[in-house]
Amino acid sequence: MTDRLLVLVRHGESEWNLKNLFTGWKDVDLTQNGIAEARAAGRKLKAQGISFDIAFTSALIRAQRSLDLMLEEMGLTKIPVLRDQALNERDYGDLSGLNKDDARAKWGAEQVHLWRRSYDVAPPGGESLKDTAARVLPYYIQEILPAVLRGKRVLVSAHGNSLRALVMVLERLSGADIVKREIATGVPLIYRLNADSTVADKVDVAA
């Protein structure tokens, strides 16, 4: 029996996470804490006896670097890594680079909350979670899922909202449910899939 293993990990804390800024497609690096989180995620996966055949990540440095650190901890630096902007974080448009408190002062707390936490309302010039899912899910179906179903052990290092889009499908959550779902930095979500692509088993590797 093949593993059909899919592990999702949100990148470690970024410099702009620390500063409470909307990041989106802005290409910012990890903090020292984020580096430690990514290394810890790699050690946790290794301790679970998990190995990987292939990895996927976004076009952004915080996800790529997190992946590199995890693979380094697992001794898997030679496996193929595919990078694609389809896995990028949600584009926050005009909010990108703004402090979240400043955004609330400018547009009002209720409006900013709606942009952040609704499923289908996009900030000015940016993407809603629904828009993000519209680019993440075709990539998942065309590239990631076939590898899993062929028995490849797959690691995905990406972002809070691009991973929400995947979790929504894997766990069959509604738009209302997924916006309430928090995905912590550096905490692996381990899924084993059935042959029909549904989830057979799920484990959260707690911090």
C-alpha atoms as a PDB file:
ATOM      1  CA  MET A   1       0.000   0.000   0.000  1.00  0.00           C
ATOM      2  CA  THR A   2       1.331   3.431  -0.891  1.00  0.00           C
ATOM      3  CA  ASP A   3       1.572   6.227   1.649  1.00  0.00           C
ATOM      4  CA  ARG A   4      -0.288   8.902  -0.362  1.00  0.00           C
ATOM      5  CA  LEU A   5       1.230  11.388   2.062  1.00  0.00           C
ATOM      6  CA  LEU A   6       0.604  15.139   1.837  1.00  0.00           C
ATOM      7  CA  VAL A   7       2.107  17.498   4.417  1.00  0.00           C
ATOM      8  CA  LEU A   8       1.274  21.218   4.467  1.00  0.00           C
ATOM      9  CA  VAL A   9       3.405  23.716   6.383  1.00  0.00           C
ATOM     10  CA  ARG A  10       2.957  27.471   6.642  1.00  0.00           C
ATOM     11  CA  HIS A  11       6.284  29.302   6.482  1.00  0.00           C
ATOM     12  CA  GLY A  12       7.942  30.444   9.699  1.00  0.00           C
ATOM     13  CA  GLU A  13       7.327  33.925  11.081  1.00  0.00           C
ATOM     14  CA  SER A  14       8.282  36.626   8.563  1.00  0.00           C
ATOM     15  CA  GLU A  15       9.690  40.083   9.238  1.00  0.00           C
ATOM     16  CA  TRP A  16       6.331  41.628   8.373  1.00  0.00           C
ATOM     17  CA  ASN A  17       4.356  39.146  10.503  1.00  0.00           C
ATOM     18  CA  LEU A  18       6.430  40.470  13.390  1.00  0.00           C
ATOM     19  CA  LYS A  19       5.697  44.091  12.441  1.00  0.00           C
ATOM     20  CA  ASN A  20       1.943  43.424  12.047  1.00  0.00           C
ATOM     21  CA  LEU A  21       2.007  44.429   8.362  1.00  0.00           C
ATOM     22  CA  PHE A  22      -0.102  43.084   5.503  1.00  0.00           C
ATOM     23  CA  THR A  23       2.409  41.113   3.449  1.00  0.00           C
ATOM     24  CA  GLY A  24       0.692  39.349   0.547  1.00  0.00           C
ATOM     25  CA  TRP A  25       3.009  39.118  -2.471  1.00  0.00           C
ATOM     26  CA  LYS A  26       5.668  41.384  -0.917  1.00  0.00           C
ATOM     27  CA  ASP A  27       8.847  39.294  -0.777  1.00  0.00           C
ATOM     28  CA  VAL A  28      10.054  39.539   2.812  1.00  0.00           C
ATOM     29  CA  ASP A  29      12.363  37.146   4.640  1.00  0.00           C
ATOM     30  CA  LEU A  30      12.024  35.163   7.857  1.00  0.00           C
ATOM     31  CA  THR A  31      12.801  36.488  11.320  1.00  0.00           C
ATOM     32  CA  GLN A  32      15.232  34.575  13.536  1.00  0.00           C
ATOM     33  CA  ASN A  33      12.151  33.121  15.221  1.00  0.00           C
ATOM     34  CA  GLY A  34      10.795  32.127  11.799  1.00  0.00           C
ATOM     35  CA  ILE A  35      14.046  30.333  10.999  1.00  0.00           C
ATOM     36  CA  ALA A  36      13.780  28.472  14.307  1.00  0.00           C
ATOM     37  CA  GLU A  37      10.123  27.574  13.567  1.00  0.00           C
ATOM     38  CA  ALA A  38      11.013  26.142  10.158  1.00  0.00           C
ATOM     39  CA  ARG A  39      13.908  24.115  11.578  1.00  0.00           C
ATOM     40  CA  ALA A  40      11.657  22.832  14.367  1.00  0.00           C
ATOM     41  CA  ALA A  41       9.047  21.752  11.792  1.00  0.00           C
ATOM     42  CA  GLY A  42      11.713  19.738   9.977  1.00  0.00           C
ATOM     43  CA  ARG A  43      12.798  18.077  13.209  1.00  0.00           C
ATOM     44  CA  LYS A  44       9.187  17.246  14.130  1.00  0.00           C
ATOM     45  CA  LEU A  45       8.600  15.591  10.760  1.00  0.00           C
ATOM     46  CA  LYS A  46      11.848  13.639  11.051  1.00  0.00           C
ATOM     47  CA  ALA A  47      10.851  12.519  14.558  1.00  0.00           C
ATOM     48  CA  GLN A  48       7.578  11.212  13.078  1.00  0.00           C
ATOM     49  CA  GLY A  49       9.636   9.002  10.761  1.00  0.00           C
ATOM     50  CA  ILE A  50       8.384  10.926   7.736  1.00  0.00           C
ATOM     51  CA  SER A  51      10.424  11.369   4.563  1.00  0.00           C
ATOM     52  CA  PHE A  52       9.568  13.051   1.251  1.00  0.00           C
ATOM     53  CA  ASP A  53      10.067  12.403  -2.461  1.00  0.00           C
ATOM     54  CA  ILE A  54       9.149  15.841  -3.792  1.00  0.00           C
ATOM     55  CA  ALA A  55       8.314  19.308  -2.457  1.00  0.00           C
ATOM     56  CA  PHE A  56       6.296  22.278  -3.695  1.00  0.00           C
ATOM     57  CA  THR A  57       6.543  25.901  -2.632  1.00  0.00           C
ATOM     58  CA  SER A  58       5.590  29.411  -3.730  1.00  0.00           C
ATOM     59  CA  ALA A  59       7.601  32.051  -5.582  1.00  0.00           C
ATOM     60  CA  LEU A  60       8.189  33.936  -2.299  1.00  0.00           C
ATOM     61  CA  ILE A  61      11.385  33.732  -0.260  1.00  0.00           C
ATOM     62  CA  ARG A  62       9.752  33.156   3.135  1.00  0.00           C
ATOM     63  CA  ALA A  63       8.133  29.918   1.957  1.00  0.00           C
ATOM     64  CA  GLN A  64      11.171  28.810  -0.051  1.00  0.00           C
ATOM     65  CA  ARG A  65      13.571  29.423   2.812  1.00  0.00           C
ATOM     66  CA  SER A  66      11.282  27.640   5.268  1.00  0.00           C
ATOM     67  CA  LEU A  67      11.232  24.650   2.919  1.00  0.00           C
ATOM     68  CA  ASP A  68      15.026  24.662   2.567  1.00  0.00           C
ATOM     69  CA  LEU A  69      15.437  24.706   6.354  1.00  0.00           C
ATOM     70  CA  MET A  70      12.956  21.865   6.862  1.00  0.00           C
ATOM     71  CA  LEU A  71      14.622  19.719   4.209  1.00  0.00           C
ATOM     72  CA  GLU A  72      18.029  20.461   5.684  1.00  0.00           C
ATOM     73  CA  GLU A  73      16.869  19.250   9.101  1.00  0.00           C
ATOM     74  CA  MET A  74      15.538  16.049   7.503  1.00  0.00           C
ATOM     75  CA  GLY A  75      18.632  15.438   5.362  1.00  0.00           C
ATOM     76  CA  LEU A  76      16.543  15.728   2.180  1.00  0.00           C
ATOM     77  CA  THR A  77      18.279  18.584   0.354  1.00  0.00           C
ATOM     78  CA  LYS A  78      18.491  16.588  -2.912  1.00  0.00           C
ATOM     79  CA  ILE A  79      14.789  15.986  -3.545  1.00  0.00           C
ATOM     80  CA  PRO A  80      13.070  17.832  -6.427  1.00  0.00           C
ATOM     81  CA  VAL A  81      11.514  21.186  -5.452  1.00  0.00           C
ATOM     82  CA  LEU A  82       8.901  22.871  -7.657  1.00  0.00           C
ATOM     83  CA  ARG A  83       8.253  26.591  -7.142  1.00  0.00           C
ATOM     84  CA  ASP A  84       5.170  28.330  -8.504  1.00  0.00           C
ATOM     85  CA  GLN A  85       3.389  31.608  -7.816  1.00  0.00           C
ATOM     86  CA  ALA A  86       0.100  29.683  -7.843  1.00  0.00           C
ATOM     87  CA  LEU A  87       1.002  28.856  -4.218  1.00  0.00           C
ATOM     88  CA  ASN A  88       1.756  32.483  -3.287  1.00  0.00           C
ATOM     89  CA  GLU A  89       0.034  34.167  -0.387  1.00  0.00           C
ATOM     90  CA  ARG A  90      -3.186  36.036  -1.067  1.00  0.00           C
ATOM     91  CA  ASP A  91      -2.511  39.407  -2.737  1.00  0.00           C
ATOM     92  CA  TYR A  92      -3.634  42.110  -0.325  1.00  0.00           C
ATOM     93  CA  GLY A  93      -3.567  44.804  -3.009  1.00  0.00           C
ATOM     94  CA  ASP A  94      -3.702  48.333  -1.552  1.00  0.00           C
ATOM     95  CA  LEU A  95      -3.309  46.928   1.977  1.00  0.00           C
ATOM     96  CA  SER A  96       0.120  45.413   1.207  1.00  0.00           C
ATOM     97  CA  GLY A  97       2.820  46.940   3.394  1.00  0.00           C
ATOM     98  CA  LEU A  98       0.358  48.709   5.681  1.00  0.00           C
ATOM     99  CA  ASN A  99       0.259  48.214   9.423  1.00  0.00           C
ATOM    100  CA  LYS A 100      -2.996  46.460  10.283  1.00  0.00           C
ATOM    101  CA  ASP A 101      -3.842  49.071  12.942  1.00  0.00           C
ATOM    102  CA  ASP A 102      -3.218  51.895  10.439  1.00  0.00           C
ATOM    103  CA  ALA A 103      -5.496  50.163   7.934  1.00  0.00           C
ATOM    104  CA  ARG A 104      -8.246  50.024  10.562  1.00  0.00           C
ATOM    105  CA  ALA A 105      -7.791  53.728  11.257  1.00  0.00           C
ATOM    106  CA  LYS A 106      -8.082  54.516   7.534  1.00  0.00           C
ATOM    107  CA  TRP A 107     -10.962  52.262   6.469  1.00  0.00           C
ATOM    108  CA  GLY A 108     -12.569  51.289   9.767  1.00  0.00           C
ATOM    109  CA  ALA A 109     -12.213  48.104  11.806  1.00  0.00           C
ATOM    110  CA  GLU A 110     -15.381  46.541  10.370  1.00  0.00           C
ATOM    111  CA  GLN A 111     -14.291  47.005   6.741  1.00  0.00           C
ATOM    112  CA  VAL A 112     -10.767  45.697   7.363  1.00  0.00           C
ATOM    113  CA  HIS A 113     -12.188  42.706   9.240  1.00  0.00           C
ATOM    114  CA  LEU A 114     -14.463  42.012   6.259  1.00  0.00           C
ATOM    115  CA  TRP A 115     -11.496  42.090   3.854  1.00  0.00           C
ATOM    116  CA  ARG A 116      -9.431  39.833   6.110  1.00  0.00           C
ATOM    117  CA  ARG A 117     -12.060  37.375   7.199  1.00  0.00           C
ATOM    118  CA  SER A 118     -14.756  37.100   4.546  1.00  0.00           C
ATOM    119  CA  TYR A 119     -14.473  34.401   1.901  1.00  0.00           C
ATOM    120  CA  ASP A 120     -15.347  36.434  -1.192  1.00  0.00           C
ATOM    121  CA  VAL A 121     -14.774  40.143  -0.451  1.00  0.00           C
ATOM    122  CA  ALA A 122     -11.433  41.381  -1.832  1.00  0.00           C
ATOM    123  CA  PRO A 123      -9.486  44.396  -0.557  1.00  0.00           C
ATOM    124  CA  PRO A 124      -8.940  47.183  -3.136  1.00  0.00           C
ATOM    125  CA  GLY A 125      -6.653  45.910  -5.876  1.00  0.00           C
ATOM    126  CA  GLY A 126      -6.221  42.544  -4.176  1.00  0.00           C
ATOM    127  CA  GLU A 127      -7.621  39.017  -3.873  1.00  0.00           C
ATOM    128  CA  SER A 128     -10.318  37.498  -1.706  1.00  0.00           C
ATOM    129  CA  LEU A 129      -9.778  34.017  -0.295  1.00  0.00           C
ATOM    130  CA  LYS A 130     -12.105  32.798  -3.058  1.00  0.00           C
ATOM    131  CA  ASP A 131      -9.807  34.424  -5.653  1.00  0.00           C
ATOM    132  CA  THR A 132      -6.774  32.805  -4.006  1.00  0.00           C
ATOM    133  CA  ALA A 133      -8.456  29.397  -4.121  1.00  0.00           C
ATOM    134  CA  ALA A 134      -9.198  29.937  -7.825  1.00  0.00           C
ATOM    135  CA  ARG A 135      -5.458  29.867  -8.600  1.00  0.00           C
ATOM    136  CA  VAL A 136      -4.288  27.448  -5.879  1.00  0.00           C
ATOM    137  CA  LEU A 137      -6.760  24.635  -6.544  1.00  0.00           C
ATOM    138  CA  PRO A 138      -6.077  24.124 -10.285  1.00  0.00           C
ATOM    139  CA  TYR A 139      -2.360  23.862  -9.461  1.00  0.00           C
ATOM    140  CA  TYR A 140      -3.142  21.368  -6.696  1.00  0.00           C
ATOM    141  CA  ILE A 141      -5.310  19.274  -9.010  1.00  0.00           C
ATOM    142  CA  GLN A 142      -2.854  19.364 -11.917  1.00  0.00           C
ATOM    143  CA  GLU A 143       0.504  19.099 -10.122  1.00  0.00           C
ATOM    144  CA  ILE A 144       0.353  18.193  -6.431  1.00  0.00           C
ATOM    145  CA  LEU A 145      -2.530  15.717  -6.158  1.00  0.00           C
ATOM    146  CA  PRO A 146      -1.352  13.465  -9.031  1.00  0.00           C
ATOM    147  CA  ALA A 147       2.031  13.106  -7.314  1.00  0.00           C
ATOM    148  CA  VAL A 148       0.339  12.134  -4.040  1.00  0.00           C
ATOM    149  CA  LEU A 149      -1.942   9.621  -5.761  1.00  0.00           C
ATOM    150  CA  ARG A 150       1.067   8.045  -7.497  1.00  0.00           C
ATOM    151  CA  GLY A 151       2.427   7.297  -4.037  1.00  0.00           C
ATOM    152  CA  LYS A 152       4.892  10.163  -3.819  1.00  0.00           C
ATOM    153  CA  ARG A 153       5.382  11.615  -0.340  1.00  0.00           C
ATOM    154  CA  VAL A 154       4.732  15.327  -0.852  1.00  0.00           C
ATOM    155  CA  LEU A 155       5.668  18.369   1.249  1.00  0.00           C
ATOM    156  CA  VAL A 156       4.097  21.787   0.535  1.00  0.00           C
ATOM    157  CA  SER A 157       5.622  24.908   2.110  1.00  0.00           C
ATOM    158  CA  ALA A 158       3.341  27.873   1.481  1.00  0.00           C
ATOM    159  CA  HIS A 159       1.260  30.581   3.165  1.00  0.00           C
ATOM    160  CA  GLY A 160      -1.688  31.011   5.506  1.00  0.00           C
ATOM    161  CA  ASN A 161      -4.244  31.736   2.794  1.00  0.00           C
ATOM    162  CA  SER A 162      -2.916  29.532  -0.009  1.00  0.00           C
ATOM    163  CA  LEU A 163      -2.913  26.653   2.489  1.00  0.00           C
ATOM    164  CA  ARG A 164      -6.420  27.581   3.652  1.00  0.00           C
ATOM    165  CA  ALA A 165      -7.567  26.983   0.078  1.00  0.00           C
ATOM    166  CA  LEU A 166      -6.115  23.457   0.203  1.00  0.00           C
ATOM    167  CA  VAL A 167      -7.426  22.711   3.695  1.00  0.00           C
ATOM    168  CA  MET A 168     -10.882  23.837   2.589  1.00  0.00           C
ATOM    169  CA  VAL A 169     -10.935  21.138  -0.097  1.00  0.00           C
ATOM    170  CA  LEU A 170      -9.195  18.431   1.909  1.00  0.00           C
ATOM    171  CA  GLU A 171     -11.434  18.850   4.956  1.00  0.00           C
ATOM    172  CA  ARG A 172     -14.560  19.765   2.987  1.00  0.00           C
ATOM    173  CA  LEU A 173     -15.074  23.046   4.811  1.00  0.00           C
ATOM    174  CA  SER A 174     -17.493  25.777   3.798  1.00  0.00           C
ATOM    175  CA  GLY A 175     -16.432  29.330   2.966  1.00  0.00           C
ATOM    176  CA  ALA A 176     -17.721  30.384   6.397  1.00  0.00           C
ATOM    177  CA  ASP A 177     -15.744  27.637   8.155  1.00  0.00           C
ATOM    178  CA  ILE A 178     -12.427  28.157   6.394  1.00  0.00           C
ATOM    179  CA  VAL A 179     -12.123  31.869   7.184  1.00  0.00           C
ATOM    180  CA  LYS A 180     -12.300  30.975  10.896  1.00  0.00           C
ATOM    181  CA  ARG A 181      -9.552  28.366  10.537  1.00  0.00           C
ATOM    182  CA  GLU A 182      -6.156  29.527  11.777  1.00  0.00           C
ATOM    183  CA  ILE A 183      -3.038  27.969  10.291  1.00  0.00           C
ATOM    184  CA  ALA A 184      -0.078  28.491  12.593  1.00  0.00           C
ATOM    185  CA  THR A 185       3.424  29.235  11.307  1.00  0.00           C
ATOM    186  CA  GLY A 186       5.757  26.248  11.247  1.00  0.00           C
ATOM    187  CA  VAL A 187       3.227  23.615  12.376  1.00  0.00           C
ATOM    188  CA  PRO A 188       2.968  20.653   9.955  1.00  0.00           C
ATOM    189  CA  LEU A 189      -0.476  19.372   8.930  1.00  0.00           C
ATOM    190  CA  ILE A 190      -0.116  15.727   7.924  1.00  0.00           C
ATOM    191  CA  TYR A 191      -2.693  14.137   5.628  1.00  0.00           C
ATOM    192  CA  ARG A 192      -2.866  10.633   4.228  1.00  0.00           C
ATOM    193  CA  LEU A 193      -5.229  10.344   1.287  1.00  0.00           C
ATOM    194  CA  ASN A 194      -7.427   7.569  -0.026  1.00  0.00           C
ATOM    195  CA  ALA A 195      -7.155   6.471  -3.640  1.00  0.00           C
ATOM    196  CA  ASP A 196     -10.161   8.696  -4.468  1.00  0.00           C
ATOM    197  CA  SER A 197      -8.258  11.743  -3.072  1.00  0.00           C
ATOM    198  CA  THR A 198     -10.373  12.046   0.086  1.00  0.00           C
ATOM    199  CA  VAL A 199      -8.630  12.240   3.466  1.00  0.00           C
ATOM    200  CA  ALA A 200      -8.029   8.901   5.180  1.00  0.00           C
ATOM    201  CA  ASP A 201      -6.175  10.345   8.169  1.00  0.00           C
ATOM    202  CA  LYS A 202      -5.039  13.724   9.459  1.00  0.00           C
ATOM    203  CA  VAL A 203      -2.530  14.607  12.166  1.00  0.00           C
ATOM    204  CA  ASP A 204      -1.624  18.075  13.472  1.00  0.00           C
ATOM    205  CA  VAL A 205       1.937  18.108  14.756  1.00  0.00           C
ATOM    206  CA  ALA A 206       1.489  20.432  17.710  1.00  0.00           C
ATOM    207  CA  ALA A 207       4.056  23.076  18.533  1.00  0.00           C
END
